Amino acid sequence: MIQVTAYRKNGSIYAFEMSGHADSVSEGNDLVCAGASAVSFGAVNAVISLCSIEPEITQAGKEGGYLKVKLPDNLDAETHEKATWLLEGMMVSLETIVRDYGQYIKISDK
């Protein structure tokens, strides 16, 4: 199962962590895993490109199954707002995957 955790401060997302494998079908054919990966990596790439920042990124090696992304602490208000909106958009997209494939992916907030 994929577990997604959104880390929030004052209701605003500042980091997220994704771990595990969906295991909904055989490796290489798993649409849940592919969808969650595409959504999360797309959001991180958007934050980097559109906000001109480098978040702290930790990910697994070849075995995959782990991604943690944290926004820098020293962002100005406008950049912080843009970056958090992009991450909130990612969470909405992940929630749509949960709606149809909740047995393979879960979301929680901390």
PDB file of N, CA and C in Angstrom:
ATOM      1  N   MET A   1       0.830  -1.179   0.000  1.00  0.00           N
ATOM      2  CA  MET A   1       0.000   0.000   0.000  1.00  0.00           C
ATOM      3  C   MET A   1       0.877   1.246   0.000  1.00  0.00           C
ATOM      4  N   ILE A   2       0.441   2.258  -0.727  1.00  0.00           N
ATOM      5  CA  ILE A   2       1.117   3.555  -0.726  1.00  0.00           C
ATOM      6  C   ILE A   2       0.511   4.391   0.396  1.00  0.00           C
ATOM      7  N   GLN A   3       1.373   4.962   1.237  1.00  0.00           N
ATOM      8  CA  GLN A   3       0.932   5.852   2.312  1.00  0.00           C
ATOM      9  C   GLN A   3       1.471   7.246   2.020  1.00  0.00           C
ATOM     10  N   VAL A   4       0.574   8.220   1.915  1.00  0.00           N
ATOM     11  CA  VAL A   4       0.956   9.610   1.683  1.00  0.00           C
ATOM     12  C   VAL A   4       0.647  10.393   2.950  1.00  0.00           C
ATOM     13  N   THR A   5       1.636  11.135   3.443  1.00  0.00           N
ATOM     14  CA  THR A   5       1.441  11.982   4.613  1.00  0.00           C
ATOM     15  C   THR A   5       1.754  13.415   4.226  1.00  0.00           C
ATOM     16  N   ALA A   6       0.798  14.303   4.460  1.00  0.00           N
ATOM     17  CA  ALA A   6       1.006  15.736   4.251  1.00  0.00           C
ATOM     18  C   ALA A   6       1.338  16.355   5.602  1.00  0.00           C
ATOM     19  N   TYR A   7       2.437  17.081   5.672  1.00  0.00           N
ATOM     20  CA  TYR A   7       2.836  17.768   6.895  1.00  0.00           C
ATOM     21  C   TYR A   7       2.375  19.214   6.787  1.00  0.00           C
ATOM     22  N   ARG A   8       1.645  19.661   7.807  1.00  0.00           N
ATOM     23  CA  ARG A   8       1.050  20.995   7.768  1.00  0.00           C
ATOM     24  C   ARG A   8       1.428  21.803   9.007  1.00  0.00           C
ATOM     25  N   LYS A   9       1.560  23.104   8.785  1.00  0.00           N
ATOM     26  CA  LYS A   9       1.777  24.059   9.865  1.00  0.00           C
ATOM     27  C   LYS A   9       0.748  25.164   9.669  1.00  0.00           C
ATOM     28  N   ASN A  10      -0.077  25.402  10.667  1.00  0.00           N
ATOM     29  CA  ASN A  10      -1.160  26.387  10.574  1.00  0.00           C
ATOM     30  C   ASN A  10      -2.054  26.119   9.367  1.00  0.00           C
ATOM     31  N   GLY A  11      -2.287  24.846   9.079  1.00  0.00           N
ATOM     32  CA  GLY A  11      -3.163  24.455   7.979  1.00  0.00           C
ATOM     33  C   GLY A  11      -2.512  24.460   6.613  1.00  0.00           C
ATOM     34  N   SER A  12      -1.277  24.925   6.529  1.00  0.00           N
ATOM     35  CA  SER A  12      -0.584  25.063   5.247  1.00  0.00           C
ATOM     36  C   SER A  12       0.425  23.929   5.068  1.00  0.00           C
ATOM     37  N   ILE A  13       0.379  23.261   3.930  1.00  0.00           N
ATOM     38  CA  ILE A  13       1.292  22.151   3.665  1.00  0.00           C
ATOM     39  C   ILE A  13       2.711  22.681   3.447  1.00  0.00           C
ATOM     40  N   TYR A  14       3.670  22.081   4.140  1.00  0.00           N
ATOM     41  CA  TYR A  14       5.066  22.479   3.959  1.00  0.00           C
ATOM     42  C   TYR A  14       5.949  21.302   3.540  1.00  0.00           C
ATOM     43  N   ALA A  15       5.389  20.074   3.613  1.00  0.00           N
ATOM     44  CA  ALA A  15       6.144  18.884   3.220  1.00  0.00           C
ATOM     45  C   ALA A  15       5.167  17.747   2.981  1.00  0.00           C
ATOM     46  N   PHE A  16       5.648  16.743   2.265  1.00  0.00           N
ATOM     47  CA  PHE A  16       4.869  15.517   2.137  1.00  0.00           C
ATOM     48  C   PHE A  16       5.821  14.343   2.039  1.00  0.00           C
ATOM     49  N   GLU A  17       5.299  13.186   2.398  1.00  0.00           N
ATOM     50  CA  GLU A  17       6.063  11.943   2.357  1.00  0.00           C
ATOM     51  C   GLU A  17       5.185  10.868   1.728  1.00  0.00           C
ATOM     52  N   MET A  18       5.759  10.125   0.809  1.00  0.00           N
ATOM     53  CA  MET A  18       5.046   9.041   0.137  1.00  0.00           C
ATOM     54  C   MET A  18       5.911   7.797   0.262  1.00  0.00           C
ATOM     55  N   SER A  19       5.317   6.713   0.779  1.00  0.00           N
ATOM     56  CA  SER A  19       6.096   5.489   0.941  1.00  0.00           C
ATOM     57  C   SER A  19       5.250   4.268   0.625  1.00  0.00           C
ATOM     58  N   GLY A  20       5.926   3.209   0.244  1.00  0.00           N
ATOM     59  CA  GLY A  20       5.264   1.943  -0.033  1.00  0.00           C
ATOM     60  C   GLY A  20       5.024   1.709  -1.510  1.00  0.00           C
ATOM     61  N   HIS A  21       4.401   0.584  -1.781  1.00  0.00           N
ATOM     62  CA  HIS A  21       4.061   0.185  -3.146  1.00  0.00           C
ATOM     63  C   HIS A  21       2.593  -0.193  -3.185  1.00  0.00           C
ATOM     64  N   ALA A  22       1.919   0.136  -4.271  1.00  0.00           N
ATOM     65  CA  ALA A  22       0.489  -0.168  -4.385  1.00  0.00           C
ATOM     66  C   ALA A  22       0.254  -1.665  -4.501  1.00  0.00           C
ATOM     67  N   ASP A  23       1.096  -2.343  -5.270  1.00  0.00           N
ATOM     68  CA  ASP A  23       0.941  -3.787  -5.493  1.00  0.00           C
ATOM     69  C   ASP A  23      -0.460  -4.155  -5.966  1.00  0.00           C
ATOM     70  N   SER A  24      -1.058  -3.288  -6.803  1.00  0.00           N
ATOM     71  CA  SER A  24      -2.405  -3.587  -7.302  1.00  0.00           C
ATOM     72  C   SER A  24      -2.367  -4.612  -8.430  1.00  0.00           C
ATOM     73  N   VAL A  25      -1.274  -4.641  -9.170  1.00  0.00           N
ATOM     74  CA  VAL A  25      -1.025  -5.649 -10.212  1.00  0.00           C
ATOM     75  C   VAL A  25       0.475  -5.874 -10.281  1.00  0.00           C
ATOM     76  N   SER A  26       0.933  -6.620 -11.250  1.00  0.00           N
ATOM     77  CA  SER A  26       2.360  -6.919 -11.360  1.00  0.00           C
ATOM     78  C   SER A  26       3.185  -5.654 -11.600  1.00  0.00           C
ATOM     79  N   GLU A  27       4.440  -5.711 -11.145  1.00  0.00           N
ATOM     80  CA  GLU A  27       5.360  -4.592 -11.311  1.00  0.00           C
ATOM     81  C   GLU A  27       5.455  -4.209 -12.780  1.00  0.00           C
ATOM     82  N   GLY A  28       5.450  -2.911 -13.034  1.00  0.00           N
ATOM     83  CA  GLY A  28       5.529  -2.416 -14.399  1.00  0.00           C
ATOM     84  C   GLY A  28       4.178  -2.194 -15.045  1.00  0.00           C
ATOM     85  N   ASN A  29       3.122  -2.722 -14.439  1.00  0.00           N
ATOM     86  CA  ASN A  29       1.770  -2.557 -14.972  1.00  0.00           C
ATOM     87  C   ASN A  29       0.829  -1.916 -13.957  1.00  0.00           C
ATOM     88  N   ASP A  30       1.363  -1.378 -12.890  1.00  0.00           N
ATOM     89  CA  ASP A  30       0.569  -0.876 -11.778  1.00  0.00           C
ATOM     90  C   ASP A  30       0.155   0.577 -12.025  1.00  0.00           C
ATOM     91  N   LEU A  31      -1.098   0.771 -12.423  1.00  0.00           N
ATOM     92  CA  LEU A  31      -1.589   2.113 -12.724  1.00  0.00           C
ATOM     93  C   LEU A  31      -1.707   2.988 -11.482  1.00  0.00           C
ATOM     94  N   VAL A  32      -1.995   2.400 -10.332  1.00  0.00           N
ATOM     95  CA  VAL A  32      -2.085   3.183  -9.096  1.00  0.00           C
ATOM     96  C   VAL A  32      -0.715   3.763  -8.762  1.00  0.00           C
ATOM     97  N   CYS A  33       0.298   2.935  -8.819  1.00  0.00           N
ATOM     98  CA  CYS A  33       1.663   3.383  -8.553  1.00  0.00           C
ATOM     99  C   CYS A  33       2.101   4.429  -9.583  1.00  0.00           C
ATOM    100  N   ALA A  34       1.833   4.152 -10.841  1.00  0.00           N
ATOM    101  CA  ALA A  34       2.217   5.084 -11.906  1.00  0.00           C
ATOM    102  C   ALA A  34       1.507   6.422 -11.744  1.00  0.00           C
ATOM    103  N   GLY A  35       0.221   6.377 -11.416  1.00  0.00           N
ATOM    104  CA  GLY A  35      -0.538   7.612 -11.236  1.00  0.00           C
ATOM    105  C   GLY A  35      -0.035   8.429 -10.061  1.00  0.00           C
ATOM    106  N   ALA A  36       0.175   7.778  -8.926  1.00  0.00           N
ATOM    107  CA  ALA A  36       0.663   8.480  -7.739  1.00  0.00           C
ATOM    108  C   ALA A  36       2.060   9.054  -7.980  1.00  0.00           C
ATOM    109  N   SER A  37       2.895   8.294  -8.659  1.00  0.00           N
ATOM    110  CA  SER A  37       4.247   8.774  -8.971  1.00  0.00           C
ATOM    111  C   SER A  37       4.207   9.968  -9.912  1.00  0.00           C
ATOM    112  N   ALA A  38       3.393   9.885 -10.949  1.00  0.00           N
ATOM    113  CA  ALA A  38       3.297  10.980 -11.920  1.00  0.00           C
ATOM    114  C   ALA A  38       2.783  12.253 -11.260  1.00  0.00           C
ATOM    115  N   VAL A  39       1.763  12.126 -10.433  1.00  0.00           N
ATOM    116  CA  VAL A  39       1.195  13.289  -9.754  1.00  0.00           C
ATOM    117  C   VAL A  39       2.228  13.923  -8.820  1.00  0.00           C
ATOM    118  N   SER A  40       2.905  13.115  -8.012  1.00  0.00           N
ATOM    119  CA  SER A  40       3.845  13.667  -7.037  1.00  0.00           C
ATOM    120  C   SER A  40       5.083  14.263  -7.707  1.00  0.00           C
ATOM    121  N   PHE A  41       5.661  13.552  -8.661  1.00  0.00           N
ATOM    122  CA  PHE A  41       6.846  14.093  -9.336  1.00  0.00           C
ATOM    123  C   PHE A  41       6.490  15.306 -10.185  1.00  0.00           C
ATOM    124  N   GLY A  42       5.312  15.310 -10.780  1.00  0.00           N
ATOM    125  CA  GLY A  42       4.860  16.477 -11.538  1.00  0.00           C
ATOM    126  C   GLY A  42       4.728  17.704 -10.653  1.00  0.00           C
ATOM    127  N   ALA A  43       4.182  17.517  -9.459  1.00  0.00           N
ATOM    128  CA  ALA A  43       4.034  18.639  -8.530  1.00  0.00           C
ATOM    129  C   ALA A  43       5.393  19.161  -8.073  1.00  0.00           C
ATOM    130  N   VAL A  44       6.303  18.259  -7.763  1.00  0.00           N
ATOM    131  CA  VAL A  44       7.642  18.678  -7.335  1.00  0.00           C
ATOM    132  C   VAL A  44       8.342  19.433  -8.465  1.00  0.00           C
ATOM    133  N   ASN A  45       8.251  18.924  -9.679  1.00  0.00           N
ATOM    134  CA  ASN A  45       8.853  19.615 -10.820  1.00  0.00           C
ATOM    135  C   ASN A  45       8.221  20.986 -11.033  1.00  0.00           C
ATOM    136  N   ALA A  46       6.907  21.102 -10.817  1.00  0.00           N
ATOM    137  CA  ALA A  46       6.230  22.391 -10.953  1.00  0.00           C
ATOM    138  C   ALA A  46       6.711  23.369  -9.886  1.00  0.00           C
ATOM    139  N   VAL A  47       6.871  22.907  -8.662  1.00  0.00           N
ATOM    140  CA  VAL A  47       7.380  23.770  -7.589  1.00  0.00           C
ATOM    141  C   VAL A  47       8.770  24.284  -7.953  1.00  0.00           C
ATOM    142  N   ILE A  48       9.630  23.405  -8.415  1.00  0.00           N
ATOM    143  CA  ILE A  48      10.994  23.802  -8.780  1.00  0.00           C
ATOM    144  C   ILE A  48      10.982  24.797  -9.932  1.00  0.00           C
ATOM    145  N   SER A  49      10.221  24.502 -10.968  1.00  0.00           N
ATOM    146  CA  SER A  49      10.216  25.329 -12.173  1.00  0.00           C
ATOM    147  C   SER A  49       9.472  26.652 -11.995  1.00  0.00           C
ATOM    148  N   LEU A  50       8.283  26.603 -11.423  1.00  0.00           N
ATOM    149  CA  LEU A  50       7.439  27.794 -11.354  1.00  0.00           C
ATOM    150  C   LEU A  50       7.743  28.695 -10.163  1.00  0.00           C
ATOM    151  N   CYS A  51       8.311  28.133  -9.112  1.00  0.00           N
ATOM    152  CA  CYS A  51       8.622  28.922  -7.917  1.00  0.00           C
ATOM    153  C   CYS A  51      10.108  29.242  -7.800  1.00  0.00           C
ATOM    154  N   SER A  52      10.908  28.661  -8.680  1.00  0.00           N
ATOM    155  CA  SER A  52      12.363  28.881  -8.681  1.00  0.00           C
ATOM    156  C   SER A  52      12.984  28.597  -7.313  1.00  0.00           C
ATOM    157  N   ILE A  53      12.585  27.473  -6.724  1.00  0.00           N
ATOM    158  CA  ILE A  53      13.160  27.059  -5.447  1.00  0.00           C
ATOM    159  C   ILE A  53      13.608  25.607  -5.552  1.00  0.00           C
ATOM    160  N   GLU A  54      14.458  25.213  -4.642  1.00  0.00           N
ATOM    161  CA  GLU A  54      14.920  23.828  -4.557  1.00  0.00           C
ATOM    162  C   GLU A  54      14.454  23.247  -3.231  1.00  0.00           C
ATOM    163  N   PRO A  55      13.372  22.499  -3.239  1.00  0.00           N
ATOM    164  CA  PRO A  55      12.946  21.861  -1.993  1.00  0.00           C
ATOM    165  C   PRO A  55      13.935  20.779  -1.578  1.00  0.00           C
ATOM    166  N   GLU A  56      13.890  20.410  -0.320  1.00  0.00           N
ATOM    167  CA  GLU A  56      14.698  19.299   0.182  1.00  0.00           C
ATOM    168  C   GLU A  56      14.003  18.008  -0.249  1.00  0.00           C
ATOM    169  N   ILE A  57      14.699  17.185  -1.029  1.00  0.00           N
ATOM    170  CA  ILE A  57      14.104  15.969  -1.588  1.00  0.00           C
ATOM    171  C   ILE A  57      14.905  14.758  -1.132  1.00  0.00           C
ATOM    172  N   THR A  58      14.199  13.772  -0.594  1.00  0.00           N
ATOM    173  CA  THR A  58      14.788  12.492  -0.218  1.00  0.00           C
ATOM    174  C   THR A  58      13.999  11.413  -0.926  1.00  0.00           C
ATOM    175  N   GLN A  59      14.691  10.529  -1.624  1.00  0.00           N
ATOM    176  CA  GLN A  59      13.981   9.441  -2.301  1.00  0.00           C
ATOM    177  C   GLN A  59      14.801   8.161  -2.260  1.00  0.00           C
ATOM    178  N   ALA A  60      14.085   7.047  -2.437  1.00  0.00           N
ATOM    179  CA  ALA A  60      14.738   5.741  -2.441  1.00  0.00           C
ATOM    180  C   ALA A  60      15.561   5.582  -3.711  1.00  0.00           C
ATOM    181  N   GLY A  61      16.448   4.635  -3.688  1.00  0.00           N
ATOM    182  CA  GLY A  61      17.259   4.321  -4.858  1.00  0.00           C
ATOM    183  C   GLY A  61      16.480   3.478  -5.844  1.00  0.00           C
ATOM    184  N   LYS A  62      17.132   2.495  -6.400  1.00  0.00           N
ATOM    185  CA  LYS A  62      16.521   1.638  -7.420  1.00  0.00           C
ATOM    186  C   LYS A  62      15.262   0.930  -6.941  1.00  0.00           C
ATOM    187  N   GLU A  63      15.215   0.606  -5.650  1.00  0.00           N
ATOM    188  CA  GLU A  63      14.055  -0.126  -5.130  1.00  0.00           C
ATOM    189  C   GLU A  63      12.787   0.720  -5.123  1.00  0.00           C
ATOM    190  N   GLY A  64      12.928   2.045  -5.172  1.00  0.00           N
ATOM    191  CA  GLY A  64      11.770   2.928  -5.222  1.00  0.00           C
ATOM    192  C   GLY A  64      10.934   2.860  -3.965  1.00  0.00           C
ATOM    193  N   GLY A  65       9.747   3.418  -4.051  1.00  0.00           N
ATOM    194  CA  GLY A  65       8.805   3.325  -2.956  1.00  0.00           C
ATOM    195  C   GLY A  65       8.956   4.350  -1.852  1.00  0.00           C
ATOM    196  N   TYR A  66       9.758   5.401  -2.065  1.00  0.00           N
ATOM    197  CA  TYR A  66       9.879   6.426  -1.027  1.00  0.00           C
ATOM    198  C   TYR A  66      10.219   7.772  -1.646  1.00  0.00           C
ATOM    199  N   LEU A  67       9.465   8.805  -1.228  1.00  0.00           N
ATOM    200  CA  LEU A  67       9.734  10.181  -1.636  1.00  0.00           C
ATOM    201  C   LEU A  67       9.309  11.095  -0.500  1.00  0.00           C
ATOM    202  N   LYS A  68      10.212  11.969  -0.075  1.00  0.00           N
ATOM    203  CA  LYS A  68       9.868  13.005   0.900  1.00  0.00           C
ATOM    204  C   LYS A  68      10.344  14.335   0.350  1.00  0.00           C
ATOM    205  N   VAL A  69       9.469  15.325   0.404  1.00  0.00           N
ATOM    206  CA  VAL A  69       9.774  16.651  -0.122  1.00  0.00           C
ATOM    207  C   VAL A  69       9.388  17.682   0.929  1.00  0.00           C
ATOM    208  N   LYS A  70      10.320  18.599   1.227  1.00  0.00           N
ATOM    209  CA  LYS A  70      10.068  19.660   2.203  1.00  0.00           C
ATOM    210  C   LYS A  70      10.436  20.996   1.576  1.00  0.00           C
ATOM    211  N   LEU A  71       9.520  21.953   1.685  1.00  0.00           N
ATOM    212  CA  LEU A  71       9.793  23.298   1.184  1.00  0.00           C
ATOM    213  C   LEU A  71      10.831  23.976   2.070  1.00  0.00           C
ATOM    214  N   PRO A  72      11.652  24.862   1.494  1.00  0.00           N
ATOM    215  CA  PRO A  72      12.609  25.610   2.313  1.00  0.00           C
ATOM    216  C   PRO A  72      11.875  26.454   3.361  1.00  0.00           C
ATOM    217  N   ASP A  73      12.519  26.674   4.496  1.00  0.00           N
ATOM    218  CA  ASP A  73      11.908  27.438   5.588  1.00  0.00           C
ATOM    219  C   ASP A  73      11.869  28.939   5.327  1.00  0.00           C
ATOM    220  N   ASN A  74      12.768  29.448   4.526  1.00  0.00           N
ATOM    221  CA  ASN A  74      12.960  30.892   4.392  1.00  0.00           C
ATOM    222  C   ASN A  74      12.297  31.492   3.150  1.00  0.00           C
ATOM    223  N   LEU A  75      11.141  30.983   2.748  1.00  0.00           N
ATOM    224  CA  LEU A  75      10.482  31.496   1.545  1.00  0.00           C
ATOM    225  C   LEU A  75       9.763  32.809   1.835  1.00  0.00           C
ATOM    226  N   ASP A  76       9.795  33.724   0.859  1.00  0.00           N
ATOM    227  CA  ASP A  76       8.979  34.921   1.003  1.00  0.00           C
ATOM    228  C   ASP A  76       7.507  34.516   0.863  1.00  0.00           C
ATOM    229  N   ALA A  77       6.616  35.387   1.288  1.00  0.00           N
ATOM    230  CA  ALA A  77       5.186  35.052   1.361  1.00  0.00           C
ATOM    231  C   ALA A  77       4.608  34.647   0.010  1.00  0.00           C
ATOM    232  N   GLU A  78       4.964  35.348  -1.049  1.00  0.00           N
ATOM    233  CA  GLU A  78       4.409  35.048  -2.372  1.00  0.00           C
ATOM    234  C   GLU A  78       4.877  33.677  -2.877  1.00  0.00           C
ATOM    235  N   THR A  79       6.154  33.396  -2.745  1.00  0.00           N
ATOM    236  CA  THR A  79       6.687  32.105  -3.189  1.00  0.00           C
ATOM    237  C   THR A  79       6.105  30.973  -2.351  1.00  0.00           C
ATOM    238  N   HIS A  80       5.998  31.195  -1.053  1.00  0.00           N
ATOM    239  CA  HIS A  80       5.407  30.190  -0.165  1.00  0.00           C
ATOM    240  C   HIS A  80       3.977  29.878  -0.598  1.00  0.00           C
ATOM    241  N   GLU A  81       3.206  30.900  -0.889  1.00  0.00           N
ATOM    242  CA  GLU A  81       1.815  30.690  -1.312  1.00  0.00           C
ATOM    243  C   GLU A  81       1.746  29.899  -2.621  1.00  0.00           C
ATOM    244  N   LYS A  82       2.576  30.254  -3.594  1.00  0.00           N
ATOM    245  CA  LYS A  82       2.594  29.527  -4.873  1.00  0.00           C
ATOM    246  C   LYS A  82       2.951  28.054  -4.660  1.00  0.00           C
ATOM    247  N   ALA A  83       3.999  27.819  -3.897  1.00  0.00           N
ATOM    248  CA  ALA A  83       4.461  26.446  -3.679  1.00  0.00           C
ATOM    249  C   ALA A  83       3.411  25.620  -2.946  1.00  0.00           C
ATOM    250  N   THR A  84       2.775  26.203  -1.942  1.00  0.00           N
ATOM    251  CA  THR A  84       1.762  25.442  -1.205  1.00  0.00           C
ATOM    252  C   THR A  84       0.539  25.171  -2.066  1.00  0.00           C
ATOM    253  N   TRP A  85       0.161  26.095  -2.928  1.00  0.00           N
ATOM    254  CA  TRP A  85      -0.961  25.833  -3.846  1.00  0.00           C
ATOM    255  C   TRP A  85      -0.633  24.672  -4.777  1.00  0.00           C
ATOM    256  N   LEU A  86       0.583  24.619  -5.261  1.00  0.00           N
ATOM    257  CA  LEU A  86       0.967  23.502  -6.130  1.00  0.00           C
ATOM    258  C   LEU A  86       0.910  22.177  -5.372  1.00  0.00           C
ATOM    259  N   LEU A  87       1.380  22.163  -4.137  1.00  0.00           N
ATOM    260  CA  LEU A  87       1.319  20.932  -3.346  1.00  0.00           C
ATOM    261  C   LEU A  87      -0.120  20.574  -2.974  1.00  0.00           C
ATOM    262  N   GLU A  88      -0.957  21.578  -2.726  1.00  0.00           N
ATOM    263  CA  GLU A  88      -2.378  21.295  -2.461  1.00  0.00           C
ATOM    264  C   GLU A  88      -3.043  20.701  -3.700  1.00  0.00           C
ATOM    265  N   GLY A  89      -2.675  21.192  -4.878  1.00  0.00           N
ATOM    266  CA  GLY A  89      -3.196  20.608  -6.116  1.00  0.00           C
ATOM    267  C   GLY A  89      -2.794  19.150  -6.248  1.00  0.00           C
ATOM    268  N   MET A  90      -1.567  18.844  -5.855  1.00  0.00           N
ATOM    269  CA  MET A  90      -1.112  17.454  -5.860  1.00  0.00           C
ATOM    270  C   MET A  90      -1.971  16.608  -4.928  1.00  0.00           C
ATOM    271  N   MET A  91      -2.261  17.130  -3.741  1.00  0.00           N
ATOM    272  CA  MET A  91      -3.068  16.378  -2.781  1.00  0.00           C
ATOM    273  C   MET A  91      -4.472  16.118  -3.326  1.00  0.00           C
ATOM    274  N   VAL A  92      -5.055  17.093  -3.995  1.00  0.00           N
ATOM    275  CA  VAL A  92      -6.378  16.895  -4.604  1.00  0.00           C
ATOM    276  C   VAL A  92      -6.313  15.777  -5.640  1.00  0.00           C
ATOM    277  N   SER A  93      -5.282  15.786  -6.465  1.00  0.00           N
ATOM    278  CA  SER A  93      -5.132  14.731  -7.473  1.00  0.00           C
ATOM    279  C   SER A  93      -4.950  13.363  -6.825  1.00  0.00           C
ATOM    280  N   LEU A  94      -4.161  13.296  -5.764  1.00  0.00           N
ATOM    281  CA  LEU A  94      -3.979  12.022  -5.061  1.00  0.00           C
ATOM    282  C   LEU A  94      -5.289  11.551  -4.426  1.00  0.00           C
ATOM    283  N   GLU A  95      -6.091  12.494  -3.927  1.00  0.00           N
ATOM    284  CA  GLU A  95      -7.386  12.130  -3.340  1.00  0.00           C
ATOM    285  C   GLU A  95      -8.319  11.513  -4.378  1.00  0.00           C
ATOM    286  N   THR A  96      -8.209  11.939  -5.634  1.00  0.00           N
ATOM    287  CA  THR A  96      -9.044  11.318  -6.669  1.00  0.00           C
ATOM    288  C   THR A  96      -8.606   9.882  -6.922  1.00  0.00           C
ATOM    289  N   ILE A  97      -7.324   9.607  -6.780  1.00  0.00           N
ATOM    290  CA  ILE A  97      -6.847   8.223  -6.904  1.00  0.00           C
ATOM    291  C   ILE A  97      -7.366   7.403  -5.729  1.00  0.00           C
ATOM    292  N   VAL A  98      -7.325   7.977  -4.530  1.00  0.00           N
ATOM    293  CA  VAL A  98      -7.833   7.283  -3.341  1.00  0.00           C
ATOM    294  C   VAL A  98      -9.310   6.942  -3.510  1.00  0.00           C
ATOM    295  N   ARG A  99     -10.064   7.845  -4.085  1.00  0.00           N
ATOM    296  CA  ARG A  99     -11.505   7.626  -4.248  1.00  0.00           C
ATOM    297  C   ARG A  99     -11.794   6.334  -5.011  1.00  0.00           C
ATOM    298  N   ASP A 100     -11.012   6.042  -6.029  1.00  0.00           N
ATOM    299  CA  ASP A 100     -11.247   4.848  -6.843  1.00  0.00           C
ATOM    300  C   ASP A 100     -10.398   3.648  -6.440  1.00  0.00           C
ATOM    301  N   TYR A 101      -9.264   3.897  -5.802  1.00  0.00           N
ATOM    302  CA  TYR A 101      -8.326   2.810  -5.497  1.00  0.00           C
ATOM    303  C   TYR A 101      -7.867   2.857  -4.041  1.00  0.00           C
ATOM    304  N   GLY A 102      -8.776   3.177  -3.144  1.00  0.00           N
ATOM    305  CA  GLY A 102      -8.448   3.353  -1.731  1.00  0.00           C
ATOM    306  C   GLY A 102      -7.858   2.136  -1.048  1.00  0.00           C
ATOM    307  N   GLN A 103      -8.032   0.975  -1.630  1.00  0.00           N
ATOM    308  CA  GLN A 103      -7.435  -0.222  -1.028  1.00  0.00           C
ATOM    309  C   GLN A 103      -5.925  -0.281  -1.283  1.00  0.00           C
ATOM    310  N   TYR A 104      -5.418   0.607  -2.149  1.00  0.00           N
ATOM    311  CA  TYR A 104      -3.992   0.596  -2.503  1.00  0.00           C
ATOM    312  C   TYR A 104      -3.240   1.861  -2.087  1.00  0.00           C
ATOM    313  N   ILE A 105      -3.960   2.921  -1.697  1.00  0.00           N
ATOM    314  CA  ILE A 105      -3.318   4.190  -1.360  1.00  0.00           C
ATOM    315  C   ILE A 105      -4.133   4.895  -0.281  1.00  0.00           C
ATOM    316  N   LYS A 106      -3.437   5.433   0.728  1.00  0.00           N
ATOM    317  CA  LYS A 106      -4.069   6.156   1.837  1.00  0.00           C
ATOM    318  C   LYS A 106      -3.371   7.496   2.021  1.00  0.00           C
ATOM    319  N   ILE A 107      -4.131   8.484   2.485  1.00  0.00           N
ATOM    320  CA  ILE A 107      -3.598   9.823   2.738  1.00  0.00           C
ATOM    321  C   ILE A 107      -3.900  10.206   4.183  1.00  0.00           C
ATOM    322  N   SER A 108      -2.922  10.835   4.839  1.00  0.00           N
ATOM    323  CA  SER A 108      -3.139  11.368   6.184  1.00  0.00           C
ATOM    324  C   SER A 108      -2.420  12.709   6.310  1.00  0.00           C
ATOM    325  N   ASP A 109      -2.819  13.485   7.304  1.00  0.00           N
ATOM    326  CA  ASP A 109      -2.186  14.771   7.604  1.00  0.00           C
ATOM    327  C   ASP A 109      -1.516  14.693   8.967  1.00  0.00           C
ATOM    328  N   LYS A 110      -0.404  15.402   9.100  1.00  0.00           N
ATOM    329  CA  LYS A 110       0.277  15.545  10.398  1.00  0.00           C
ATOM    330  C   LYS A 110       0.507  17.008  10.659  1.00  0.00           C
TER     331      LYS A 110
END
